[in-house]
């Protein structure tokens, strides 16, 4: 496996966990993880983990910037990974 594969696995798992933690904190009315942090994790490669976290935990699904940005980032990441794979082969 390449470094890119490991990076994507780790960042997506981390993003999924953070979305779950934030949802748990929201339910218990504790200190929250900022939306900026959640979106930044999605932007740096964790878009798949963010989307799964949104759907699985039903978290941030009513916020337009998440509903729009996370899937757009996922498409961009898929295109970039596809180009990287083609370029490396």
Protein backbone atom coordinates (compact mmCIF):
# COMPACT_ATOMS: atom_id res chain seq x y z
CA UNK A 1 0.00 0.00 0.00
CA UNK A 2 1.16 3.48 -0.77
CA UNK A 3 1.60 6.39 1.61
CA UNK A 4 -1.46 8.04 0.01
CA UNK A 5 -3.60 5.00 0.85
CA UNK A 6 -2.47 5.00 4.48
CA UNK A 7 -3.00 8.75 4.74
CA UNK A 8 -6.54 8.53 3.35
CA UNK A 9 -7.45 5.62 5.62
CA UNK A 10 -6.17 7.43 8.72
CA UNK A 11 -7.64 10.87 7.93
CA UNK A 12 -11.04 9.43 7.03
CA UNK A 13 -11.18 7.27 10.16
CA UNK A 14 -10.09 10.24 12.30
CA UNK A 15 -12.71 12.49 10.67
CA UNK A 16 -15.44 9.90 11.21
CA UNK A 17 -14.47 9.60 14.90
CA UNK A 18 -14.43 13.39 15.36
CA UNK A 19 -17.90 13.73 13.79
CA UNK A 20 -19.14 11.04 16.17
CA UNK A 21 -17.55 12.74 19.17
CA UNK A 22 -19.08 16.07 18.23
CA UNK A 23 -22.52 14.49 17.89
CA UNK A 24 -22.14 12.92 21.32
CA UNK A 25 -21.11 16.26 22.77
CA UNK A 26 -24.08 17.94 21.10
CA UNK A 27 -26.48 15.48 22.71
CA UNK A 28 -24.99 15.99 26.17
CA UNK A 29 -24.71 19.77 25.70
CA UNK A 30 -20.95 19.80 26.31
CA UNK A 31 -18.20 21.85 24.68
CA UNK A 32 -18.33 21.28 20.90
CA UNK A 33 -15.80 20.84 18.13
CA UNK A 34 -15.92 23.87 15.84
CA UNK A 35 -17.56 23.66 12.43
CA UNK A 36 -14.34 25.03 11.00
CA UNK A 37 -12.41 22.05 12.37
CA UNK A 38 -15.00 19.59 11.06
CA UNK A 39 -14.87 21.12 7.58
CA UNK A 40 -11.07 21.36 7.64
CA UNK A 41 -10.81 17.64 8.37
CA UNK A 42 -13.07 16.98 5.39
CA UNK A 43 -11.03 19.33 3.20
CA UNK A 44 -7.66 17.72 3.95
CA UNK A 45 -8.81 14.34 2.71
CA UNK A 46 -11.42 13.18 5.20
CA UNK A 47 -14.46 13.88 3.05
CA UNK A 48 -15.55 10.23 2.89
CA UNK A 49 -15.28 9.90 6.66
CA UNK A 50 -17.17 13.17 7.07
CA UNK A 51 -19.99 12.04 4.78
CA UNK A 52 -20.29 8.66 6.52
CA UNK A 53 -20.23 10.43 9.90
CA UNK A 54 -22.92 12.85 8.79
CA UNK A 55 -25.17 10.06 7.60
CA UNK A 56 -24.45 7.52 10.34
CA UNK A 57 -24.66 9.94 13.26
CA UNK A 58 -27.25 12.22 11.60
CA UNK A 59 -24.93 15.10 12.35
CA UNK A 60 -24.79 18.45 10.53
CA UNK A 61 -27.35 17.21 7.99
CA UNK A 62 -29.42 20.40 8.27
CA UNK A 63 -26.49 22.76 7.77
CA UNK A 64 -26.31 23.78 4.10
CA UNK A 65 -22.55 24.30 4.10
CA UNK A 66 -22.02 20.70 5.24
CA UNK A 67 -24.69 19.20 2.98
CA UNK A 68 -23.11 20.95 -0.03
CA UNK A 69 -19.39 21.13 0.78
CA UNK A 70 -18.77 17.60 2.04
CA UNK A 71 -20.10 15.81 -1.10
CA UNK A 72 -18.34 18.35 -3.36
CA UNK A 73 -15.08 17.73 -1.50
CA UNK A 74 -15.60 13.98 -1.87
CA UNK A 75 -15.98 14.31 -5.64
CA UNK A 76 -12.89 16.53 -5.83
CA UNK A 77 -10.90 14.05 -3.74
CA UNK A 78 -12.03 11.12 -5.90
CA UNK A 79 -10.97 12.96 -9.05
CA UNK A 80 -7.60 13.90 -7.54
CA UNK A 81 -6.93 10.34 -6.37
CA UNK A 82 -7.95 9.00 -9.78
CA UNK A 83 -5.55 11.40 -11.50
CA UNK A 84 -2.78 10.51 -9.04
CA UNK A 85 -3.29 6.77 -9.66
CA UNK A 86 -3.25 7.26 -13.44
CA UNK A 87 -0.18 9.48 -13.24
CA UNK A 88 1.74 7.03 -11.06
CA UNK A 89 0.99 4.00 -13.24
